[in-house]
Amino acid sequence: MARTIVLKTKSARGTTEILTRVAHPMETGLRVDKKTKKKIPEHYIEKLTIELNGKKLAEANLGPAASKNPTVGVKVSSAKAKKGSKIKISWSDNKGEKGSKEATI
């Protein structure tokens, strides 16, 4: 299933903030469906990676405790994240789903 990835950058006072949000249910496996009375299976992002110009900038190991549609952000020196720099966000979940998005600052 295709998931939406929102990617935003904001530069101010020598730093660039990279924010990303992935549309994902992030189910813990503990909730019960009110209609069927059955547990909703686990389904969560395990790893989210942020790359800048092809080099890993940050990696977040998420899990069932992260909120639905998680937002992850990092701040980096504007000297590294110059205008024209390429950002790539990649994620994978516990069911084998993967997604990525690329953008230019």
Protein backbone atom coordinates (compact mmCIF):
# COMPACT_ATOMS: atom_id res chain seq x y z
CA MET A 1 0.00 0.00 0.00
CA ALA A 2 1.40 3.41 -0.94
CA ARG A 3 1.96 5.65 2.06
CA THR A 4 2.25 9.41 1.95
CA ILE A 5 5.52 10.94 3.09
CA VAL A 6 5.50 14.66 3.85
CA LEU A 7 8.92 16.30 3.79
CA LYS A 8 9.60 19.90 4.85
CA THR A 9 12.74 21.91 5.42
CA LYS A 10 13.18 25.21 7.22
CA SER A 11 16.42 27.20 7.41
CA ALA A 12 17.15 29.88 10.00
CA ARG A 13 20.18 31.22 11.88
CA GLY A 14 22.70 28.80 10.39
CA THR A 15 20.67 25.60 10.80
CA THR A 16 18.33 23.68 8.57
CA GLU A 17 15.54 21.63 10.13
CA ILE A 18 14.38 18.58 8.18
CA LEU A 19 10.93 17.33 9.18
CA THR A 20 9.19 14.27 7.81
CA ARG A 21 5.85 12.63 8.52
CA VAL A 22 4.83 9.20 7.24
CA ALA A 23 1.15 8.25 6.97
CA HIS A 24 1.16 4.90 8.78
CA PRO A 25 -1.28 3.24 11.23
CA MET A 26 1.41 2.29 13.78
CA GLU A 27 -0.70 -0.45 15.39
CA THR A 28 0.65 -1.98 18.62
CA GLY A 29 -1.20 -5.27 18.37
CA LEU A 30 -2.97 -4.50 21.65
CA ARG A 31 -6.05 -2.65 20.39
CA VAL A 32 -9.32 -4.51 19.81
CA ASP A 33 -11.58 -3.80 16.83
CA LYS A 34 -14.90 -2.63 18.29
CA LYS A 35 -16.96 -4.36 15.60
CA THR A 36 -15.24 -7.74 15.35
CA LYS A 37 -13.92 -7.86 18.95
CA LYS A 38 -10.62 -9.20 17.56
CA LYS A 39 -7.17 -7.77 18.18
CA ILE A 40 -5.84 -5.52 15.43
CA PRO A 41 -2.49 -7.04 14.31
CA GLU A 42 0.82 -5.26 14.92
CA HIS A 43 1.80 -2.96 12.08
CA TYR A 44 4.47 -0.33 12.72
CA ILE A 45 7.52 1.33 11.21
CA GLU A 46 10.72 -0.26 12.45
CA LYS A 47 13.32 1.97 10.81
CA LEU A 48 13.29 5.44 9.28
CA THR A 49 16.44 6.82 7.63
CA ILE A 50 17.26 10.37 6.56
CA GLU A 51 20.02 10.82 3.98
CA LEU A 52 21.61 14.07 2.87
CA ASN A 53 23.43 14.04 -0.48
CA GLY A 54 23.63 10.23 -0.40
CA LYS A 55 25.10 9.99 3.13
CA LYS A 56 23.17 8.75 6.15
CA LEU A 57 22.35 11.71 8.36
CA ALA A 58 20.07 10.03 10.90
CA GLU A 59 18.35 6.73 11.58
CA ALA A 60 15.35 6.30 13.88
CA ASN A 61 14.45 2.90 15.26
CA LEU A 62 10.74 3.28 15.86
CA GLY A 63 8.35 0.60 17.08
CA PRO A 64 4.83 -0.01 18.33
CA ALA A 65 5.06 2.79 20.91
CA ALA A 66 5.40 5.52 18.25
CA SER A 67 2.25 7.46 17.40
CA LYS A 68 0.11 7.05 14.29
CA ASN A 69 1.57 9.03 11.35
CA PRO A 70 4.90 9.61 13.13
CA THR A 71 6.88 12.81 12.63
CA VAL A 72 10.68 12.73 12.82
CA GLY A 73 12.91 15.78 12.60
CA VAL A 74 16.61 16.60 12.64
CA LYS A 75 18.57 19.83 12.63
CA VAL A 76 21.76 20.16 10.64
CA SER A 77 24.18 22.97 9.90
CA SER A 78 23.07 25.02 6.91
CA ALA A 79 26.65 24.66 5.65
CA LYS A 80 25.93 20.93 5.15
CA ALA A 81 22.33 21.32 3.99
CA LYS A 82 22.83 23.99 1.34
CA LYS A 83 20.27 25.03 -1.23
CA GLY A 84 20.30 22.32 -3.91
CA SER A 85 21.20 19.53 -1.45
CA LYS A 86 19.32 16.26 -1.92
CA ILE A 87 17.35 14.68 0.92
CA LYS A 88 16.06 11.11 0.92
CA ILE A 89 13.68 9.66 3.50
CA SER A 90 13.31 5.85 3.64
CA TRP A 91 11.30 3.65 5.97
CA SER A 92 10.48 -0.03 6.47
CA ASP A 93 7.92 -1.70 8.71
CA ASN A 94 7.42 -5.02 10.48
CA LYS A 95 5.28 -6.39 7.60
CA GLY A 96 7.89 -5.76 4.91
CA GLU A 97 6.34 -2.57 3.53
CA LYS A 98 8.85 0.07 2.45
CA GLY A 99 8.71 3.59 1.15
CA SER A 100 10.93 6.50 0.28
CA LYS A 101 10.81 10.06 -0.94
CA GLU A 102 13.46 12.34 -2.36
CA ALA A 103 13.51 16.13 -2.45
CA THR A 104 15.87 19.01 -3.05
CA ILE A 105 16.35 21.82 -0.55
